Amino acid sequence: MSTLLYVAASPAKEASRSGQAAEALVQAYRDRHPGAVIDRLNVWDETLPPFDAEMIAAKFAVLRRTQATDAQRRLWGQAVALAQRFNAADRYVFSVPMWNFGLPYRLKHFIDVVTLPEQNWRWSPAGGYQGLLHGKRAVVVYSSAGDHRLAPHESEVDHQKGQMRAWLAFIGIHDVQELTVAPTLAAPDVVSAALAAAVERARGLAAGF
């Protein structure tokens, strides 16, 4: 039985344009795969452990195989539990609005917590950095107030898409498809047309996902 993890990064919930297109994909996937497990994770609703000095110390205690304190072990256990939930999926759908040309801070917080050594990446002197999540697929649905489109029209100030691509590749997810809802700050008919096109594209992607 396959598992699809839908990671929503907008606090706007049902009003989110990226969320509406992503939800269309998830529903179309469910219709095609009624036995699949759909795990929904909104980063604004999750209790994320602080990524602070204690968490960083816990991470490096693991990396350097030094003695961790009880508090560090507890923090590390929380991060590992979130990472294992993330790693368990076969398919991923992300809805990602653009905030100040980049990612919402809560999504970055989630990424920092779940990206863990020996969970979804490793490093060795011989092999360097290696992602561990092989054979998985992802679709990333972006939205932006401005008309920040996908390649070959991407703007040099767009730090949203490149960061998602780099992170997914780092943890071993290379089969990634993308679509965008843009612009979302425009005349109502322009926004409606952009959303309708993204929803149609999302449903189409579900067929081969």
N, C-alpha and C. Protein backbone atom coordinates (compact mmCIF):
# COMPACT_ATOMS: atom_id res chain seq x y z
N MET A 1 0.84 -1.20 0.00
CA MET A 1 0.00 0.00 0.00
C MET A 1 0.88 1.25 0.00
N SER A 2 0.64 2.14 -0.94
CA SER A 2 1.45 3.34 -1.04
C SER A 2 0.94 4.43 -0.10
N THR A 3 1.84 5.33 0.26
CA THR A 3 1.50 6.46 1.13
C THR A 3 1.88 7.76 0.43
N LEU A 4 0.93 8.68 0.36
CA LEU A 4 1.18 10.01 -0.16
C LEU A 4 1.15 10.98 1.01
N LEU A 5 2.21 11.72 1.17
CA LEU A 5 2.29 12.75 2.21
C LEU A 5 2.08 14.11 1.57
N TYR A 6 1.05 14.80 2.02
CA TYR A 6 0.77 16.14 1.52
C TYR A 6 1.24 17.14 2.57
N VAL A 7 2.28 17.90 2.24
CA VAL A 7 2.84 18.90 3.14
C VAL A 7 2.34 20.28 2.70
N ALA A 8 1.48 20.89 3.50
CA ALA A 8 0.93 22.20 3.20
C ALA A 8 1.70 23.26 3.98
N ALA A 9 2.11 24.32 3.29
CA ALA A 9 2.96 25.33 3.91
C ALA A 9 2.28 26.69 4.04
N SER A 10 0.98 26.74 3.79
CA SER A 10 0.28 28.01 3.90
C SER A 10 -0.64 28.00 5.11
N PRO A 11 -0.63 29.09 5.92
CA PRO A 11 -1.58 29.17 7.03
C PRO A 11 -2.98 29.53 6.56
N ALA A 12 -3.15 29.83 5.28
CA ALA A 12 -4.45 30.26 4.77
C ALA A 12 -5.43 29.11 4.60
N LYS A 13 -4.94 27.88 4.75
CA LYS A 13 -5.78 26.68 4.65
C LYS A 13 -6.56 26.68 3.32
N GLU A 14 -7.91 26.62 3.39
CA GLU A 14 -8.72 26.47 2.18
C GLU A 14 -8.61 27.65 1.24
N ALA A 15 -8.22 28.83 1.74
CA ALA A 15 -8.10 30.01 0.88
C ALA A 15 -6.78 30.06 0.12
N SER A 16 -5.88 29.16 0.43
CA SER A 16 -4.56 29.13 -0.22
C SER A 16 -4.70 28.69 -1.67
N ARG A 17 -4.14 29.48 -2.60
CA ARG A 17 -4.20 29.12 -4.02
C ARG A 17 -3.32 27.91 -4.30
N SER A 18 -2.11 27.88 -3.73
CA SER A 18 -1.26 26.70 -3.92
C SER A 18 -1.93 25.48 -3.30
N GLY A 19 -2.60 25.69 -2.16
CA GLY A 19 -3.30 24.59 -1.49
C GLY A 19 -4.46 24.05 -2.31
N GLN A 20 -5.19 24.94 -2.98
CA GLN A 20 -6.32 24.48 -3.78
C GLN A 20 -5.86 23.62 -4.96
N ALA A 21 -4.78 24.03 -5.61
CA ALA A 21 -4.26 23.23 -6.72
C ALA A 21 -3.69 21.90 -6.21
N ALA A 22 -2.97 21.96 -5.08
CA ALA A 22 -2.40 20.73 -4.51
C ALA A 22 -3.51 19.78 -4.08
N GLU A 23 -4.57 20.33 -3.50
CA GLU A 23 -5.69 19.49 -3.06
C GLU A 23 -6.36 18.80 -4.25
N ALA A 24 -6.44 19.49 -5.38
CA ALA A 24 -7.00 18.87 -6.59
C ALA A 24 -6.17 17.66 -7.01
N LEU A 25 -4.85 17.79 -6.91
CA LEU A 25 -3.97 16.67 -7.26
C LEU A 25 -4.16 15.51 -6.28
N VAL A 26 -4.21 15.83 -5.00
CA VAL A 26 -4.36 14.78 -3.99
C VAL A 26 -5.68 14.03 -4.19
N GLN A 27 -6.76 14.77 -4.45
CA GLN A 27 -8.06 14.13 -4.64
C GLN A 27 -8.07 13.27 -5.90
N ALA A 28 -7.43 13.77 -6.97
CA ALA A 28 -7.36 12.98 -8.20
C ALA A 28 -6.53 11.72 -7.99
N TYR A 29 -5.46 11.84 -7.21
CA TYR A 29 -4.64 10.66 -6.90
C TYR A 29 -5.44 9.66 -6.08
N ARG A 30 -6.20 10.15 -5.11
CA ARG A 30 -7.02 9.25 -4.29
C ARG A 30 -8.05 8.51 -5.16
N ASP A 31 -8.65 9.22 -6.11
CA ASP A 31 -9.63 8.58 -6.99
C ASP A 31 -9.00 7.46 -7.81
N ARG A 32 -7.75 7.64 -8.22
CA ARG A 32 -7.06 6.63 -9.01
C ARG A 32 -6.48 5.51 -8.16
N HIS A 33 -6.21 5.83 -6.89
CA HIS A 33 -5.59 4.85 -5.98
C HIS A 33 -6.38 4.82 -4.67
N PRO A 34 -7.57 4.23 -4.69
CA PRO A 34 -8.43 4.28 -3.50
C PRO A 34 -7.83 3.58 -2.28
N GLY A 35 -6.87 2.70 -2.48
CA GLY A 35 -6.25 2.02 -1.35
C GLY A 35 -5.07 2.75 -0.75
N ALA A 36 -4.67 3.87 -1.36
CA ALA A 36 -3.49 4.59 -0.88
C ALA A 36 -3.78 5.29 0.44
N VAL A 37 -2.75 5.42 1.26
CA VAL A 37 -2.84 6.18 2.51
C VAL A 37 -2.49 7.63 2.19
N ILE A 38 -3.35 8.56 2.58
CA ILE A 38 -3.10 9.99 2.40
C ILE A 38 -2.81 10.59 3.77
N ASP A 39 -1.58 11.02 3.95
CA ASP A 39 -1.15 11.64 5.22
C ASP A 39 -1.04 13.15 4.98
N ARG A 40 -1.80 13.93 5.72
CA ARG A 40 -1.80 15.39 5.55
C ARG A 40 -1.03 16.03 6.70
N LEU A 41 -0.12 16.92 6.34
CA LEU A 41 0.71 17.58 7.34
C LEU A 41 0.78 19.07 7.00
N ASN A 42 0.09 19.88 7.79
CA ASN A 42 0.20 21.33 7.64
C ASN A 42 1.24 21.81 8.64
N VAL A 43 2.30 22.43 8.15
CA VAL A 43 3.41 22.80 9.03
C VAL A 43 2.99 23.82 10.09
N TRP A 44 1.86 24.50 9.87
CA TRP A 44 1.37 25.48 10.85
C TRP A 44 0.62 24.81 11.99
N ASP A 45 0.21 23.58 11.79
CA ASP A 45 -0.55 22.85 12.82
C ASP A 45 0.31 21.89 13.62
N GLU A 46 1.50 21.59 13.12
CA GLU A 46 2.37 20.62 13.79
C GLU A 46 3.15 21.27 14.94
N THR A 47 3.42 20.48 15.96
CA THR A 47 4.29 20.92 17.04
C THR A 47 5.72 20.58 16.64
N LEU A 48 6.45 21.59 16.20
CA LEU A 48 7.82 21.40 15.74
C LEU A 48 8.78 21.75 16.87
N PRO A 49 9.70 20.87 17.20
CA PRO A 49 10.67 21.21 18.24
C PRO A 49 11.52 22.39 17.79
N PRO A 50 11.93 23.25 18.71
CA PRO A 50 12.75 24.41 18.32
C PRO A 50 14.04 23.96 17.66
N PHE A 51 14.39 24.65 16.59
CA PHE A 51 15.69 24.38 15.97
C PHE A 51 16.66 25.44 16.52
N ASP A 52 17.09 25.20 17.74
CA ASP A 52 17.87 26.18 18.47
C ASP A 52 19.24 25.59 18.85
N ALA A 53 19.92 26.23 19.79
CA ALA A 53 21.26 25.77 20.16
C ALA A 53 21.24 24.33 20.69
N GLU A 54 20.21 23.97 21.46
CA GLU A 54 20.14 22.62 22.01
C GLU A 54 19.94 21.59 20.90
N MET A 55 19.06 21.91 19.93
CA MET A 55 18.84 20.97 18.83
C MET A 55 20.10 20.83 17.97
N ILE A 56 20.76 21.95 17.72
CA ILE A 56 22.00 21.90 16.94
C ILE A 56 23.06 21.07 17.67
N ALA A 57 23.15 21.25 18.99
CA ALA A 57 24.11 20.47 19.77
C ALA A 57 23.75 18.98 19.73
N ALA A 58 22.45 18.67 19.79
CA ALA A 58 22.02 17.27 19.71
C ALA A 58 22.38 16.67 18.36
N LYS A 59 22.17 17.47 17.30
CA LYS A 59 22.48 16.99 15.94
C LYS A 59 23.97 16.68 15.81
N PHE A 60 24.81 17.57 16.32
CA PHE A 60 26.24 17.35 16.17
C PHE A 60 26.75 16.28 17.14
N ALA A 61 26.03 16.06 18.24
CA ALA A 61 26.40 14.95 19.11
C ALA A 61 26.21 13.62 18.38
N VAL A 62 25.17 13.55 17.55
CA VAL A 62 24.94 12.35 16.75
C VAL A 62 25.98 12.27 15.63
N LEU A 63 26.17 13.38 14.93
CA LEU A 63 27.12 13.39 13.82
C LEU A 63 28.53 13.01 14.27
N ARG A 64 28.93 13.56 15.42
CA ARG A 64 30.31 13.34 15.89
C ARG A 64 30.41 12.17 16.87
N ARG A 65 29.23 11.52 17.11
CA ARG A 65 29.18 10.35 17.99
C ARG A 65 29.76 10.66 19.37
N THR A 66 29.39 11.81 19.89
CA THR A 66 29.79 12.19 21.24
C THR A 66 28.64 11.92 22.21
N GLN A 67 28.91 12.07 23.49
CA GLN A 67 27.90 11.79 24.50
C GLN A 67 26.85 12.90 24.51
N ALA A 68 25.59 12.54 24.28
CA ALA A 68 24.50 13.51 24.32
C ALA A 68 23.87 13.53 25.70
N THR A 69 23.38 14.70 26.10
CA THR A 69 22.66 14.81 27.36
C THR A 69 21.27 14.22 27.22
N ASP A 70 20.59 14.01 28.35
CA ASP A 70 19.22 13.50 28.29
C ASP A 70 18.31 14.46 27.52
N ALA A 71 18.48 15.77 27.75
CA ALA A 71 17.65 16.75 27.05
C ALA A 71 17.91 16.71 25.55
N GLN A 72 19.16 16.54 25.16
CA GLN A 72 19.49 16.44 23.74
C GLN A 72 18.90 15.19 23.12
N ARG A 73 18.94 14.09 23.86
CA ARG A 73 18.36 12.85 23.34
C ARG A 73 16.85 12.98 23.15
N ARG A 74 16.19 13.67 24.09
CA ARG A 74 14.74 13.87 23.95
C ARG A 74 14.43 14.73 22.72
N LEU A 75 15.18 15.80 22.53
CA LEU A 75 14.98 16.65 21.37
C LEU A 75 15.23 15.87 20.08
N TRP A 76 16.31 15.11 20.07
CA TRP A 76 16.65 14.33 18.90
C TRP A 76 15.56 13.32 18.59
N GLY A 77 14.98 12.72 19.63
CA GLY A 77 13.89 11.77 19.43
C GLY A 77 12.68 12.41 18.77
N GLN A 78 12.36 13.65 19.15
CA GLN A 78 11.25 14.36 18.51
C GLN A 78 11.53 14.60 17.04
N ALA A 79 12.75 15.03 16.73
CA ALA A 79 13.11 15.27 15.34
C ALA A 79 13.08 13.98 14.53
N VAL A 80 13.59 12.90 15.10
CA VAL A 80 13.62 11.62 14.40
C VAL A 80 12.20 11.13 14.11
N ALA A 81 11.28 11.31 15.06
CA ALA A 81 9.90 10.87 14.84
C ALA A 81 9.27 11.61 13.65
N LEU A 82 9.51 12.93 13.56
CA LEU A 82 8.99 13.69 12.42
C LEU A 82 9.66 13.25 11.12
N ALA A 83 10.98 13.03 11.19
CA ALA A 83 11.70 12.60 10.00
C ALA A 83 11.21 11.24 9.51
N GLN A 84 10.95 10.33 10.42
CA GLN A 84 10.49 9.00 10.03
C GLN A 84 9.10 9.05 9.42
N ARG A 85 8.25 9.93 9.95
CA ARG A 85 6.94 10.12 9.33
C ARG A 85 7.11 10.63 7.90
N PHE A 86 8.00 11.59 7.73
CA PHE A 86 8.26 12.13 6.40
C PHE A 86 8.85 11.06 5.48
N ASN A 87 9.84 10.35 5.97
CA ASN A 87 10.55 9.36 5.14
C ASN A 87 9.67 8.20 4.71
N ALA A 88 8.61 7.93 5.48
CA ALA A 88 7.79 6.74 5.22
C ALA A 88 6.95 6.85 3.95
N ALA A 89 6.79 8.04 3.42
CA ALA A 89 5.93 8.22 2.24
C ALA A 89 6.62 7.73 0.98
N ASP A 90 5.79 7.35 0.00
CA ASP A 90 6.27 7.00 -1.34
C ASP A 90 6.14 8.17 -2.30
N ARG A 91 5.12 8.98 -2.07
CA ARG A 91 4.82 10.14 -2.91
C ARG A 91 4.67 11.36 -2.01
N TYR A 92 5.07 12.51 -2.54
CA TYR A 92 4.98 13.76 -1.79
C TYR A 92 4.30 14.83 -2.64
N VAL A 93 3.43 15.58 -2.01
CA VAL A 93 2.85 16.78 -2.63
C VAL A 93 3.11 17.93 -1.66
N PHE A 94 3.68 19.01 -2.18
CA PHE A 94 3.95 20.20 -1.37
C PHE A 94 3.17 21.38 -1.96
N SER A 95 2.50 22.14 -1.11
CA SER A 95 1.94 23.42 -1.54
C SER A 95 2.75 24.51 -0.87
N VAL A 96 3.37 25.37 -1.69
CA VAL A 96 4.39 26.29 -1.20
C VAL A 96 4.12 27.71 -1.71
N PRO A 97 3.56 28.57 -0.88
CA PRO A 97 3.45 29.97 -1.29
C PRO A 97 4.80 30.68 -1.18
N MET A 98 4.99 31.70 -2.00
CA MET A 98 6.20 32.50 -1.92
C MET A 98 6.02 33.59 -0.87
N TRP A 99 6.97 33.68 0.06
CA TRP A 99 7.00 34.74 1.06
C TRP A 99 8.31 35.50 0.90
N ASN A 100 8.21 36.76 0.54
CA ASN A 100 9.42 37.60 0.40
C ASN A 100 10.47 36.92 -0.46
N PHE A 101 10.01 36.37 -1.59
CA PHE A 101 10.86 35.74 -2.61
C PHE A 101 11.40 34.37 -2.19
N GLY A 102 11.02 33.86 -1.03
CA GLY A 102 11.52 32.58 -0.56
C GLY A 102 10.41 31.71 0.02
N LEU A 103 10.78 30.85 0.97
CA LEU A 103 9.85 29.91 1.59
C LEU A 103 9.24 30.51 2.85
N PRO A 104 8.01 30.12 3.19
CA PRO A 104 7.47 30.49 4.50
C PRO A 104 8.39 29.95 5.60
N TYR A 105 8.60 30.76 6.64
CA TYR A 105 9.56 30.37 7.67
C TYR A 105 9.17 29.07 8.37
N ARG A 106 7.88 28.80 8.45
CA ARG A 106 7.46 27.58 9.12
C ARG A 106 7.82 26.34 8.30
N LEU A 107 7.78 26.45 6.98
CA LEU A 107 8.23 25.34 6.14
C LEU A 107 9.73 25.14 6.28
N LYS A 108 10.49 26.24 6.31
CA LYS A 108 11.94 26.12 6.51
C LYS A 108 12.25 25.47 7.85
N HIS A 109 11.48 25.81 8.88
CA HIS A 109 11.64 25.19 10.20
C HIS A 109 11.42 23.68 10.09
N PHE A 110 10.36 23.28 9.40
CA PHE A 110 10.07 21.86 9.22
C PHE A 110 11.22 21.16 8.50
N ILE A 111 11.70 21.77 7.42
CA ILE A 111 12.80 21.19 6.66
C ILE A 111 14.03 21.01 7.54
N ASP A 112 14.35 22.03 8.34
CA ASP A 112 15.52 21.95 9.20
C ASP A 112 15.40 20.84 10.24
N VAL A 113 14.19 20.59 10.72
CA VAL A 113 13.98 19.56 11.74
C VAL A 113 14.08 18.16 11.15
N VAL A 114 13.47 17.95 9.97
CA VAL A 114 13.37 16.58 9.45
C VAL A 114 14.57 16.15 8.61
N THR A 115 15.44 17.07 8.24
CA THR A 115 16.59 16.71 7.41
C THR A 115 17.72 16.26 8.33
N LEU A 116 17.78 14.95 8.54
CA LEU A 116 18.64 14.40 9.59
C LEU A 116 19.65 13.38 9.05
N PRO A 117 20.87 13.41 9.57
CA PRO A 117 21.87 12.41 9.18
C PRO A 117 21.43 11.00 9.55
N GLU A 118 21.68 10.08 8.64
CA GLU A 118 21.35 8.66 8.77
C GLU A 118 19.85 8.40 8.73
N GLN A 119 19.04 9.43 8.62
CA GLN A 119 17.60 9.26 8.42
C GLN A 119 17.25 9.44 6.95
N ASN A 120 17.68 10.54 6.36
CA ASN A 120 17.42 10.77 4.94
C ASN A 120 18.65 11.27 4.17
N TRP A 121 19.77 11.36 4.84
CA TRP A 121 21.05 11.63 4.15
C TRP A 121 22.19 11.11 5.01
N ARG A 122 23.33 10.92 4.36
CA ARG A 122 24.53 10.53 5.10
C ARG A 122 25.74 11.16 4.42
N TRP A 123 26.84 11.17 5.17
CA TRP A 123 28.10 11.67 4.64
C TRP A 123 29.20 10.69 5.00
N SER A 124 30.11 10.48 4.06
CA SER A 124 31.29 9.67 4.33
C SER A 124 32.49 10.29 3.61
N PRO A 125 33.68 10.05 4.11
CA PRO A 125 34.86 10.59 3.42
C PRO A 125 34.96 10.12 1.98
N ALA A 126 34.55 8.89 1.74
CA ALA A 126 34.68 8.33 0.39
C ALA A 126 33.57 8.82 -0.54
N GLY A 127 32.35 8.87 -0.03
CA GLY A 127 31.22 9.18 -0.90
C GLY A 127 30.69 10.59 -0.79
N GLY A 128 31.13 11.34 0.22
CA GLY A 128 30.59 12.68 0.42
C GLY A 128 29.14 12.62 0.88
N TYR A 129 28.34 13.60 0.50
CA TYR A 129 26.93 13.64 0.87
C TYR A 129 26.13 12.73 -0.05
N GLN A 130 25.24 11.93 0.55
CA GLN A 130 24.39 11.02 -0.21
C GLN A 130 22.97 11.07 0.34
N GLY A 131 22.00 11.33 -0.54
CA GLY A 131 20.60 11.27 -0.15
C GLY A 131 20.15 9.83 -0.04
N LEU A 132 19.22 9.56 0.87
CA LEU A 132 18.79 8.18 1.13
C LEU A 132 17.37 7.87 0.66
N LEU A 133 16.62 8.87 0.23
CA LEU A 133 15.21 8.64 -0.13
C LEU A 133 15.09 8.37 -1.63
N HIS A 134 15.55 7.19 -2.03
CA HIS A 134 15.57 6.84 -3.44
C HIS A 134 14.23 6.25 -3.87
N GLY A 135 13.89 6.41 -5.15
CA GLY A 135 12.71 5.78 -5.72
C GLY A 135 11.41 6.46 -5.34
N LYS A 136 11.46 7.66 -4.82
CA LYS A 136 10.26 8.39 -4.44
C LYS A 136 9.99 9.51 -5.43
N ARG A 137 8.74 10.00 -5.44
CA ARG A 137 8.34 11.06 -6.37
C ARG A 137 7.72 12.22 -5.60
N ALA A 138 7.83 13.40 -6.18
CA ALA A 138 7.25 14.58 -5.55
C ALA A 138 6.66 15.51 -6.60
N VAL A 139 5.62 16.20 -6.20
CA VAL A 139 5.07 17.33 -6.97
C VAL A 139 5.07 18.53 -6.05
N VAL A 140 5.60 19.64 -6.54
CA VAL A 140 5.62 20.88 -5.76
C VAL A 140 4.74 21.90 -6.46
N VAL A 141 3.75 22.40 -5.73
CA VAL A 141 2.83 23.42 -6.25
C VAL A 141 3.23 24.75 -5.62
N TYR A 142 3.68 25.66 -6.45
CA TYR A 142 4.10 26.98 -5.98
C TYR A 142 3.01 28.01 -6.25
N SER A 143 2.98 29.06 -5.43
CA SER A 143 2.16 30.22 -5.74
C SER A 143 2.96 31.46 -5.39
N SER A 144 2.60 32.57 -6.05
CA SER A 144 3.28 33.83 -5.77
C SER A 144 2.37 34.98 -6.16
N ALA A 145 2.47 36.07 -5.39
CA ALA A 145 1.68 37.25 -5.69
C ALA A 145 2.08 37.83 -7.04
N GLY A 146 3.38 37.90 -7.29
CA GLY A 146 3.87 38.33 -8.60
C GLY A 146 3.91 37.18 -9.58
N ASP A 147 4.17 37.49 -10.82
CA ASP A 147 4.14 36.47 -11.86
C ASP A 147 5.50 35.78 -11.94
N HIS A 148 5.82 35.01 -10.88
CA HIS A 148 7.09 34.28 -10.82
C HIS A 148 6.87 32.89 -11.40
N ARG A 149 7.20 32.76 -12.65
CA ARG A 149 6.92 31.53 -13.38
C ARG A 149 8.08 30.54 -13.29
N LEU A 150 7.84 29.34 -13.82
CA LEU A 150 8.87 28.31 -13.86
C LEU A 150 9.85 28.59 -15.00
N ALA A 151 10.95 27.84 -15.02
CA ALA A 151 11.93 27.96 -16.09
C ALA A 151 11.25 27.75 -17.44
N PRO A 152 11.66 28.46 -18.47
CA PRO A 152 12.87 29.30 -18.56
C PRO A 152 12.64 30.76 -18.21
N HIS A 153 11.55 31.06 -17.51
CA HIS A 153 11.21 32.45 -17.23
C HIS A 153 11.44 32.84 -15.78
N GLU A 154 12.21 32.04 -15.04
CA GLU A 154 12.38 32.32 -13.62
C GLU A 154 13.20 33.59 -13.41
N SER A 155 12.80 34.33 -12.37
CA SER A 155 13.47 35.57 -12.02
C SER A 155 14.66 35.28 -11.11
N GLU A 156 15.70 36.13 -11.20
CA GLU A 156 16.87 35.94 -10.34
C GLU A 156 16.56 36.22 -8.87
N VAL A 157 15.44 36.89 -8.58
CA VAL A 157 15.08 37.13 -7.18
C VAL A 157 14.19 36.02 -6.62
N ASP A 158 13.87 35.03 -7.43
CA ASP A 158 13.01 33.91 -7.00
C ASP A 158 13.88 32.88 -6.27
N HIS A 159 13.78 32.86 -4.94
CA HIS A 159 14.52 31.90 -4.12
C HIS A 159 13.61 30.80 -3.56
N GLN A 160 12.40 30.76 -4.04
CA GLN A 160 11.42 29.77 -3.60
C GLN A 160 11.69 28.41 -4.24
N LYS A 161 11.77 28.39 -5.54
CA LYS A 161 11.81 27.13 -6.27
C LYS A 161 13.18 26.45 -6.15
N GLY A 162 14.24 27.24 -6.26
CA GLY A 162 15.58 26.66 -6.18
C GLY A 162 15.84 26.00 -4.84
N GLN A 163 15.32 26.58 -3.76
CA GLN A 163 15.56 26.00 -2.44
C GLN A 163 14.84 24.67 -2.29
N MET A 164 13.61 24.58 -2.80
CA MET A 164 12.90 23.30 -2.74
C MET A 164 13.61 22.24 -3.57
N ARG A 165 14.07 22.61 -4.77
CA ARG A 165 14.77 21.64 -5.62
C ARG A 165 16.05 21.14 -4.97
N ALA A 166 16.81 22.08 -4.41
CA ALA A 166 18.08 21.70 -3.79
C ALA A 166 17.86 20.77 -2.61
N TRP A 167 16.85 21.07 -1.79
CA TRP A 167 16.59 20.24 -0.61
C TRP A 167 16.15 18.83 -1.02
N LEU A 168 15.19 18.74 -1.94
CA LEU A 168 14.71 17.43 -2.36
C LEU A 168 15.83 16.60 -2.98
N ALA A 169 16.67 17.23 -3.79
CA ALA A 169 17.80 16.50 -4.38
C ALA A 169 18.77 16.04 -3.29
N PHE A 170 19.00 16.87 -2.29
CA PHE A 170 19.93 16.55 -1.22
C PHE A 170 19.51 15.28 -0.48
N ILE A 171 18.21 15.10 -0.26
CA ILE A 171 17.74 13.92 0.46
C ILE A 171 17.43 12.75 -0.47
N GLY A 172 17.70 12.90 -1.76
CA GLY A 172 17.60 11.78 -2.68
C GLY A 172 16.36 11.72 -3.53
N ILE A 173 15.52 12.76 -3.51
CA ILE A 173 14.29 12.78 -4.32
C ILE A 173 14.57 13.58 -5.58
N HIS A 174 14.70 12.87 -6.71
CA HIS A 174 15.06 13.52 -7.97
C HIS A 174 13.91 13.53 -8.97
N ASP A 175 12.91 12.69 -8.74
CA ASP A 175 11.74 12.66 -9.64
C ASP A 175 10.75 13.70 -9.13
N VAL A 176 10.91 14.93 -9.57
CA VAL A 176 10.13 16.06 -9.06
C VAL A 176 9.46 16.79 -10.22
N GLN A 177 8.16 16.99 -10.10
CA GLN A 177 7.42 17.80 -11.06
C GLN A 177 6.91 19.05 -10.35
N GLU A 178 6.73 20.10 -11.14
CA GLU A 178 6.36 21.39 -10.55
C GLU A 178 5.24 22.05 -11.34
N LEU A 179 4.46 22.83 -10.64
CA LEU A 179 3.51 23.72 -11.30
C LEU A 179 3.35 24.96 -10.43
N THR A 180 2.86 26.02 -11.02
CA THR A 180 2.77 27.27 -10.29
C THR A 180 1.44 27.95 -10.51
N VAL A 181 0.97 28.63 -9.46
CA VAL A 181 -0.23 29.47 -9.52
C VAL A 181 0.25 30.91 -9.38
N ALA A 182 0.24 31.65 -10.48
CA ALA A 182 0.76 33.01 -10.43
C ALA A 182 0.22 33.79 -11.64
N PRO A 183 -0.04 35.10 -11.43
CA PRO A 183 0.06 35.85 -10.17
C PRO A 183 -1.22 35.68 -9.34
N THR A 184 -1.09 35.81 -8.03
CA THR A 184 -2.26 35.77 -7.16
C THR A 184 -2.66 37.16 -6.67
N LEU A 185 -1.86 38.17 -7.01
CA LEU A 185 -2.21 39.57 -6.70
C LEU A 185 -2.38 40.29 -8.03
N ALA A 186 -3.60 40.18 -8.56
CA ALA A 186 -3.90 40.73 -9.88
C ALA A 186 -5.42 40.89 -9.99
N ALA A 187 -5.89 41.26 -11.14
CA ALA A 187 -7.33 41.36 -11.35
C ALA A 187 -7.98 40.01 -11.11
N PRO A 188 -9.20 39.99 -10.57
CA PRO A 188 -9.84 38.71 -10.22
C PRO A 188 -9.89 37.71 -11.37
N ASP A 189 -10.14 38.19 -12.59
CA ASP A 189 -10.22 37.24 -13.70
C ASP A 189 -8.86 36.63 -14.04
N VAL A 190 -7.79 37.41 -13.83
CA VAL A 190 -6.45 36.89 -14.08
C VAL A 190 -6.10 35.83 -13.04
N VAL A 191 -6.42 36.10 -11.77
CA VAL A 191 -6.15 35.14 -10.70
C VAL A 191 -6.96 33.87 -10.91
N SER A 192 -8.23 34.03 -11.26
CA SER A 192 -9.09 32.86 -11.48
C SER A 192 -8.58 31.99 -12.61
N ALA A 193 -8.10 32.64 -13.68
CA ALA A 193 -7.58 31.88 -14.82
C ALA A 193 -6.31 31.14 -14.43
N ALA A 194 -5.44 31.79 -13.66
CA ALA A 194 -4.19 31.14 -13.23
C ALA A 194 -4.49 29.94 -12.35
N LEU A 195 -5.45 30.09 -11.44
CA LEU A 195 -5.81 28.99 -10.55
C LEU A 195 -6.45 27.85 -11.32
N ALA A 196 -7.36 28.17 -12.24
CA ALA A 196 -8.02 27.12 -13.03
C ALA A 196 -7.01 26.33 -13.85
N ALA A 197 -6.04 27.02 -14.43
CA ALA A 197 -5.02 26.33 -15.21
C ALA A 197 -4.17 25.43 -14.33
N ALA A 198 -3.84 25.90 -13.13
CA ALA A 198 -3.04 25.09 -12.21
C ALA A 198 -3.81 23.87 -11.73
N VAL A 199 -5.09 24.02 -11.44
CA VAL A 199 -5.92 22.88 -11.01
C VAL A 199 -6.00 21.83 -12.11
N GLU A 200 -6.19 22.28 -13.34
CA GLU A 200 -6.25 21.34 -14.46
C GLU A 200 -4.92 20.61 -14.62
N ARG A 201 -3.84 21.35 -14.52
CA ARG A 201 -2.51 20.75 -14.62
C ARG A 201 -2.27 19.75 -13.49
N ALA A 202 -2.72 20.11 -12.28
CA ALA A 202 -2.54 19.24 -11.12
C ALA A 202 -3.28 17.91 -11.31
N ARG A 203 -4.49 17.99 -11.77
CA ARG A 203 -5.26 16.75 -12.00
C ARG A 203 -4.60 15.89 -13.07
N GLY A 204 -4.03 16.54 -14.08
CA GLY A 204 -3.33 15.79 -15.11
C GLY A 204 -2.08 15.09 -14.58
N LEU A 205 -1.37 15.75 -13.68
CA LEU A 205 -0.17 15.14 -13.10
C LEU A 205 -0.49 13.91 -12.28
N ALA A 206 -1.68 13.88 -11.69
CA ALA A 206 -2.07 12.73 -10.86
C ALA A 206 -2.10 11.44 -11.66
N ALA A 207 -2.35 11.55 -12.97
CA ALA A 207 -2.47 10.34 -13.79
C ALA A 207 -1.15 9.56 -13.85
N GLY A 208 -0.03 10.26 -13.86
CA GLY A 208 1.25 9.57 -13.93
C GLY A 208 2.02 9.55 -12.64
N PHE A 209 1.35 9.91 -11.57
CA PHE A 209 2.00 10.05 -10.27
C PHE A 209 1.81 8.79 -9.44
